[in-house]
Amino acid sequence: MATRRAYETASNASTRKSMQSLHRTVFSNQQQRARSDVRDVNKQRQQQQQPFTETTEEEWTGRGSSQ
């Protein structure tokens, strides 16, 4: 892995530590973005669903006062 190789070649402990911290931050941001995308998709799905309305027997069969 390129990341691990970069850690190993880091010249000193503080450089290695800051690289690890940066990697954790980037990974965390990617996870948050993915969760945000999932929330957006779920919200869009909810908005697209039509609310359930009950159909009366007259509407369903075509019989009733409207004819």
PDB file of N, CA and C in Angstrom:
ATOM      1  N   MET A   1       0.834  -1.194   0.000  1.00  0.00           N
ATOM      2  CA  MET A   1       0.000   0.000   0.000  1.00  0.00           C
ATOM      3  C   MET A   1       0.872   1.250   0.000  1.00  0.00           C
ATOM      4  N   ALA A   2       0.516   2.189  -0.797  1.00  0.00           N
ATOM      5  CA  ALA A   2       1.300   3.422  -0.898  1.00  0.00           C
ATOM      6  C   ALA A   2       1.304   4.186   0.420  1.00  0.00           C
ATOM      7  N   THR A   3       0.182   4.173   1.123  1.00  0.00           N
ATOM      8  CA  THR A   3       0.092   4.921   2.378  1.00  0.00           C
ATOM      9  C   THR A   3       1.050   4.346   3.411  1.00  0.00           C
ATOM     10  N   ARG A   4       1.056   3.025   3.539  1.00  0.00           N
ATOM     11  CA  ARG A   4       1.939   2.391   4.511  1.00  0.00           C
ATOM     12  C   ARG A   4       3.394   2.659   4.158  1.00  0.00           C
ATOM     13  N   ARG A   5       3.723   2.588   2.877  1.00  0.00           N
ATOM     14  CA  ARG A   5       5.086   2.856   2.432  1.00  0.00           C
ATOM     15  C   ARG A   5       5.482   4.285   2.790  1.00  0.00           C
ATOM     16  N   ALA A   6       4.553   5.211   2.636  1.00  0.00           N
ATOM     17  CA  ALA A   6       4.835   6.608   2.975  1.00  0.00           C
ATOM     18  C   ALA A   6       5.093   6.753   4.468  1.00  0.00           C
ATOM     19  N   TYR A   7       4.338   6.026   5.295  1.00  0.00           N
ATOM     20  CA  TYR A   7       4.580   6.075   6.737  1.00  0.00           C
ATOM     21  C   TYR A   7       5.983   5.574   7.057  1.00  0.00           C
ATOM     22  N   GLU A   8       6.359   4.460   6.417  1.00  0.00           N
ATOM     23  CA  GLU A   8       7.651   3.842   6.713  1.00  0.00           C
ATOM     24  C   GLU A   8       8.810   4.726   6.281  1.00  0.00           C
ATOM     25  N   THR A   9       8.625   5.458   5.195  1.00  0.00           N
ATOM     26  CA  THR A   9       9.718   6.290   4.697  1.00  0.00           C
ATOM     27  C   THR A   9       9.723   7.678   5.327  1.00  0.00           C
ATOM     28  N   ALA A  10       8.720   7.981   6.144  1.00  0.00           N
ATOM     29  CA  ALA A  10       8.707   9.289   6.810  1.00  0.00           C
ATOM     30  C   ALA A  10       9.961   9.410   7.664  1.00  0.00           C
ATOM     31  N   SER A  11      10.624  10.540   7.563  1.00  0.00           N
ATOM     32  CA  SER A  11      11.948  10.684   8.172  1.00  0.00           C
ATOM     33  C   SER A  11      11.929  10.682   9.694  1.00  0.00           C
ATOM     34  N   ASN A  12      10.872  11.166  10.294  1.00  0.00           N
ATOM     35  CA  ASN A  12      10.847  11.175  11.759  1.00  0.00           C
ATOM     36  C   ASN A  12       9.441  10.927  12.286  1.00  0.00           C
ATOM     37  N   ALA A  13       9.356  10.739  13.580  1.00  0.00           N
ATOM     38  CA  ALA A  13       8.092  10.350  14.207  1.00  0.00           C
ATOM     39  C   ALA A  13       7.019  11.419  14.057  1.00  0.00           C
ATOM     40  N   SER A  14       7.388  12.696  14.150  1.00  0.00           N
ATOM     41  CA  SER A  14       6.363  13.744  14.070  1.00  0.00           C
ATOM     42  C   SER A  14       5.781  13.825  12.654  1.00  0.00           C
ATOM     43  N   THR A  15       6.640  13.618  11.646  1.00  0.00           N
ATOM     44  CA  THR A  15       6.141  13.603  10.265  1.00  0.00           C
ATOM     45  C   THR A  15       5.184  12.432  10.081  1.00  0.00           C
ATOM     46  N   ARG A  16       5.589  11.267  10.584  1.00  0.00           N
ATOM     47  CA  ARG A  16       4.759  10.071  10.461  1.00  0.00           C
ATOM     48  C   ARG A  16       3.423  10.290  11.162  1.00  0.00           C
ATOM     49  N   LYS A  17       3.470  10.882  12.343  1.00  0.00           N
ATOM     50  CA  LYS A  17       2.251  11.122  13.128  1.00  0.00           C
ATOM     51  C   LYS A  17       1.309  12.082  12.401  1.00  0.00           C
ATOM     52  N   SER A  18       1.853  13.145  11.815  1.00  0.00           N
ATOM     53  CA  SER A  18       1.000  14.108  11.115  1.00  0.00           C
ATOM     54  C   SER A  18       0.406  13.492   9.853  1.00  0.00           C
ATOM     55  N   MET A  19       1.158  12.608   9.181  1.00  0.00           N
ATOM     56  CA  MET A  19       0.618  11.938   7.994  1.00  0.00           C
ATOM     57  C   MET A  19      -0.532  11.016   8.377  1.00  0.00           C
ATOM     58  N   GLN A  20      -0.362  10.295   9.490  1.00  0.00           N
ATOM     59  CA  GLN A  20      -1.426   9.401   9.950  1.00  0.00           C
ATOM     60  C   GLN A  20      -2.675  10.196  10.324  1.00  0.00           C
ATOM     61  N   SER A  21      -2.467  11.322  10.974  1.00  0.00           N
ATOM     62  CA  SER A  21      -3.588  12.174  11.364  1.00  0.00           C
ATOM     63  C   SER A  21      -4.330  12.691  10.135  1.00  0.00           C
ATOM     64  N   LEU A  22      -3.572  13.117   9.136  1.00  0.00           N
ATOM     65  CA  LEU A  22      -4.176  13.607   7.894  1.00  0.00           C
ATOM     66  C   LEU A  22      -4.973  12.504   7.211  1.00  0.00           C
ATOM     67  N   HIS A  23      -4.398  11.303   7.173  1.00  0.00           N
ATOM     68  CA  HIS A  23      -5.085  10.180   6.540  1.00  0.00           C
ATOM     69  C   HIS A  23      -6.398   9.878   7.251  1.00  0.00           C
ATOM     70  N   ARG A  24      -6.374   9.896   8.598  1.00  0.00           N
ATOM     71  CA  ARG A  24      -7.610   9.664   9.364  1.00  0.00           C
ATOM     72  C   ARG A  24      -8.655  10.728   9.053  1.00  0.00           C
ATOM     73  N   THR A  25      -8.220  11.982   8.936  1.00  0.00           N
ATOM     74  CA  THR A  25      -9.142  13.081   8.644  1.00  0.00           C
ATOM     75  C   THR A  25      -9.780  12.900   7.276  1.00  0.00           C
ATOM     76  N   VAL A  26      -8.966  12.574   6.277  1.00  0.00           N
ATOM     77  CA  VAL A  26      -9.480  12.376   4.917  1.00  0.00           C
ATOM     78  C   VAL A  26     -10.465  11.225   4.902  1.00  0.00           C
ATOM     79  N   PHE A  27     -10.113  10.116   5.559  1.00  0.00           N
ATOM     80  CA  PHE A  27     -10.990   8.950   5.586  1.00  0.00           C
ATOM     81  C   PHE A  27     -12.307   9.284   6.274  1.00  0.00           C
ATOM     82  N   SER A  28     -12.234  10.017   7.377  1.00  0.00           N
ATOM     83  CA  SER A  28     -13.433  10.415   8.109  1.00  0.00           C
ATOM     84  C   SER A  28     -14.332  11.299   7.238  1.00  0.00           C
ATOM     85  N   ASN A  29     -13.725  12.232   6.517  1.00  0.00           N
ATOM     86  CA  ASN A  29     -14.498  13.110   5.633  1.00  0.00           C
ATOM     87  C   ASN A  29     -15.180  12.318   4.530  1.00  0.00           C
ATOM     88  N   GLN A  30     -14.494  11.305   4.005  1.00  0.00           N
ATOM     89  CA  GLN A  30     -15.096  10.472   2.962  1.00  0.00           C
ATOM     90  C   GLN A  30     -16.297   9.719   3.512  1.00  0.00           C
ATOM     91  N   GLN A  31     -16.165   9.204   4.736  1.00  0.00           N
ATOM     92  CA  GLN A  31     -17.284   8.485   5.347  1.00  0.00           C
ATOM     93  C   GLN A  31     -18.474   9.411   5.574  1.00  0.00           C
ATOM     94  N   GLN A  32     -18.206  10.615   6.060  1.00  0.00           N
ATOM     95  CA  GLN A  32     -19.289  11.568   6.310  1.00  0.00           C
ATOM     96  C   GLN A  32     -19.986  11.943   5.013  1.00  0.00           C
ATOM     97  N   ARG A  33     -19.217  12.117   3.942  1.00  0.00           N
ATOM     98  CA  ARG A  33     -19.795  12.459   2.651  1.00  0.00           C
ATOM     99  C   ARG A  33     -20.670  11.315   2.146  1.00  0.00           C
ATOM    100  N   ALA A  34     -20.211  10.081   2.326  1.00  0.00           N
ATOM    101  CA  ALA A  34     -20.990   8.920   1.899  1.00  0.00           C
ATOM    102  C   ALA A  34     -22.303   8.846   2.671  1.00  0.00           C
ATOM    103  N   ARG A  35     -22.234   9.080   3.995  1.00  0.00           N
ATOM    104  CA  ARG A  35     -23.471   9.059   4.792  1.00  0.00           C
ATOM    105  C   ARG A  35     -24.417  10.170   4.357  1.00  0.00           C
ATOM    106  N   SER A  36     -23.854  11.325   4.042  1.00  0.00           N
ATOM    107  CA  SER A  36     -24.664  12.455   3.591  1.00  0.00           C
ATOM    108  C   SER A  36     -25.353  12.122   2.271  1.00  0.00           C
ATOM    109  N   ASP A  37     -24.622  11.464   1.353  1.00  0.00           N
ATOM    110  CA  ASP A  37     -25.202  11.062   0.068  1.00  0.00           C
ATOM    111  C   ASP A  37     -26.358  10.099   0.277  1.00  0.00           C
ATOM    112  N   VAL A  38     -26.199   9.164   1.206  1.00  0.00           N
ATOM    113  CA  VAL A  38     -27.266   8.200   1.491  1.00  0.00           C
ATOM    114  C   VAL A  38     -28.491   8.923   2.026  1.00  0.00           C
ATOM    115  N   ARG A  39     -28.275   9.899   2.934  1.00  0.00           N
ATOM    116  CA  ARG A  39     -29.410  10.665   3.467  1.00  0.00           C
ATOM    117  C   ARG A  39     -30.131  11.415   2.351  1.00  0.00           C
ATOM    118  N   ASP A  40     -29.368  12.007   1.424  1.00  0.00           N
ATOM    119  CA  ASP A  40     -29.978  12.744   0.314  1.00  0.00           C
ATOM    120  C   ASP A  40     -30.827  11.822  -0.549  1.00  0.00           C
ATOM    121  N   VAL A  41     -30.314  10.634  -0.847  1.00  0.00           N
ATOM    122  CA  VAL A  41     -31.054   9.675  -1.671  1.00  0.00           C
ATOM    123  C   VAL A  41     -32.327   9.251  -0.958  1.00  0.00           C
ATOM    124  N   ASN A  42     -32.222   8.958   0.341  1.00  0.00           N
ATOM    125  CA  ASN A  42     -33.408   8.553   1.101  1.00  0.00           C
ATOM    126  C   ASN A  42     -34.451   9.660   1.119  1.00  0.00           C
ATOM    127  N   LYS A  43     -34.011  10.907   1.243  1.00  0.00           N
ATOM    128  CA  LYS A  43     -34.936  12.038   1.260  1.00  0.00           C
ATOM    129  C   LYS A  43     -35.645  12.160  -0.090  1.00  0.00           C
ATOM    130  N   GLN A  44     -34.895  11.986  -1.175  1.00  0.00           N
ATOM    131  CA  GLN A  44     -35.498  12.062  -2.509  1.00  0.00           C
ATOM    132  C   GLN A  44     -36.531  10.967  -2.691  1.00  0.00           C
ATOM    133  N   ARG A  45     -36.228   9.758  -2.217  1.00  0.00           N
ATOM    134  CA  ARG A  45     -37.179   8.647  -2.342  1.00  0.00           C
ATOM    135  C   ARG A  45     -38.461   8.945  -1.585  1.00  0.00           C
ATOM    136  N   GLN A  46     -38.325   9.504  -0.379  1.00  0.00           N
ATOM    137  CA  GLN A  46     -39.512   9.817   0.417  1.00  0.00           C
ATOM    138  C   GLN A  46     -40.370  10.862  -0.276  1.00  0.00           C
ATOM    139  N   GLN A  47     -39.723  11.841  -0.902  1.00  0.00           N
ATOM    140  CA  GLN A  47     -40.473  12.904  -1.567  1.00  0.00           C
ATOM    141  C   GLN A  47     -41.181  12.383  -2.813  1.00  0.00           C
ATOM    142  N   GLN A  48     -40.620  11.366  -3.464  1.00  0.00           N
ATOM    143  CA  GLN A  48     -41.213  10.847  -4.694  1.00  0.00           C
ATOM    144  C   GLN A  48     -42.410   9.945  -4.418  1.00  0.00           C
ATOM    145  N   GLN A  49     -42.446   9.328  -3.241  1.00  0.00           N
ATOM    146  CA  GLN A  49     -43.542   8.413  -2.935  1.00  0.00           C
ATOM    147  C   GLN A  49     -44.839   9.196  -2.755  1.00  0.00           C
ATOM    148  N   GLN A  50     -45.881   8.715  -3.400  1.00  0.00           N
ATOM    149  CA  GLN A  50     -47.182   9.355  -3.266  1.00  0.00           C
ATOM    150  C   GLN A  50     -47.824   8.887  -1.966  1.00  0.00           C
ATOM    151  N   PRO A  51     -48.461   9.776  -1.258  1.00  0.00           N
ATOM    152  CA  PRO A  51     -49.130   9.348  -0.025  1.00  0.00           C
ATOM    153  C   PRO A  51     -50.294   8.414  -0.352  1.00  0.00           C
ATOM    154  N   PHE A  52     -50.525   7.449   0.501  1.00  0.00           N
ATOM    155  CA  PHE A  52     -51.601   6.487   0.287  1.00  0.00           C
ATOM    156  C   PHE A  52     -52.938   7.159   0.553  1.00  0.00           C
ATOM    157  N   THR A  53     -53.823   7.056  -0.411  1.00  0.00           N
ATOM    158  CA  THR A  53     -55.184   7.566  -0.201  1.00  0.00           C
ATOM    159  C   THR A  53     -56.151   6.408  -0.398  1.00  0.00           C
ATOM    160  N   GLU A  54     -57.131   6.354   0.439  1.00  0.00           N
ATOM    161  CA  GLU A  54     -58.086   5.259   0.365  1.00  0.00           C
ATOM    162  C   GLU A  54     -59.055   5.506  -0.788  1.00  0.00           C
ATOM    163  N   THR A  55     -59.314   4.451  -1.536  1.00  0.00           N
ATOM    164  CA  THR A  55     -60.243   4.532  -2.663  1.00  0.00           C
ATOM    165  C   THR A  55     -61.588   3.958  -2.211  1.00  0.00           C
ATOM    166  N   THR A  56     -62.641   4.694  -2.478  1.00  0.00           N
ATOM    167  CA  THR A  56     -63.966   4.189  -2.100  1.00  0.00           C
ATOM    168  C   THR A  56     -64.400   3.123  -3.095  1.00  0.00           C
ATOM    169  N   GLU A  57     -65.346   2.307  -2.695  1.00  0.00           N
ATOM    170  CA  GLU A  57     -65.833   1.242  -3.578  1.00  0.00           C
ATOM    171  C   GLU A  57     -66.440   1.828  -4.850  1.00  0.00           C
ATOM    172  N   GLU A  58     -67.103   2.969  -4.720  1.00  0.00           N
ATOM    173  CA  GLU A  58     -67.719   3.590  -5.893  1.00  0.00           C
ATOM    174  C   GLU A  58     -66.652   4.017  -6.902  1.00  0.00           C
ATOM    175  N   GLU A  59     -65.570   4.604  -6.405  1.00  0.00           N
ATOM    176  CA  GLU A  59     -64.493   5.019  -7.310  1.00  0.00           C
ATOM    177  C   GLU A  59     -63.849   3.802  -7.973  1.00  0.00           C
ATOM    178  N   TRP A  60     -63.693   2.727  -7.212  1.00  0.00           N
ATOM    179  CA  TRP A  60     -63.007   1.543  -7.708  1.00  0.00           C
ATOM    180  C   TRP A  60     -63.839   0.838  -8.773  1.00  0.00           C
ATOM    181  N   THR A  61     -65.125   0.710  -8.539  1.00  0.00           N
ATOM    182  CA  THR A  61     -65.974  -0.044  -9.467  1.00  0.00           C
ATOM    183  C   THR A  61     -66.525   0.841 -10.575  1.00  0.00           C
ATOM    184  N   GLY A  62     -66.434   2.146 -10.416  1.00  0.00           N
ATOM    185  CA  GLY A  62     -66.977   3.037 -11.434  1.00  0.00           C
ATOM    186  C   GLY A  62     -68.452   3.316 -11.237  1.00  0.00           C
ATOM    187  N   ARG A  63     -69.036   2.725 -10.188  1.00  0.00           N
ATOM    188  CA  ARG A  63     -70.447   2.982  -9.912  1.00  0.00           C
ATOM    189  C   ARG A  63     -70.559   4.062  -8.861  1.00  0.00           C
ATOM    190  N   GLY A  64     -71.593   4.797  -8.911  1.00  0.00           N
ATOM    191  CA  GLY A  64     -71.795   5.797  -7.877  1.00  0.00           C
ATOM    192  C   GLY A  64     -72.532   6.998  -8.404  1.00  0.00           C
ATOM    193  N   SER A  65     -72.555   8.039  -7.593  1.00  0.00           N
ATOM    194  CA  SER A  65     -73.356   9.211  -7.921  1.00  0.00           C
ATOM    195  C   SER A  65     -72.760  10.004  -9.079  1.00  0.00           C
ATOM    196  N   SER A  66     -71.481   9.774  -9.408  1.00  0.00           N
ATOM    197  CA  SER A  66     -70.859  10.582 -10.458  1.00  0.00           C
ATOM    198  C   SER A  66     -71.323  10.185 -11.851  1.00  0.00           C
ATOM    199  N   GLN A  67     -71.896   8.990 -12.002  1.00  0.00           N
ATOM    200  CA  GLN A  67     -72.334   8.567 -13.336  1.00  0.00           C
ATOM    201  C   GLN A  67     -73.728   9.041 -13.663  1.00  0.00           C
TER     202      GLN A  67
END
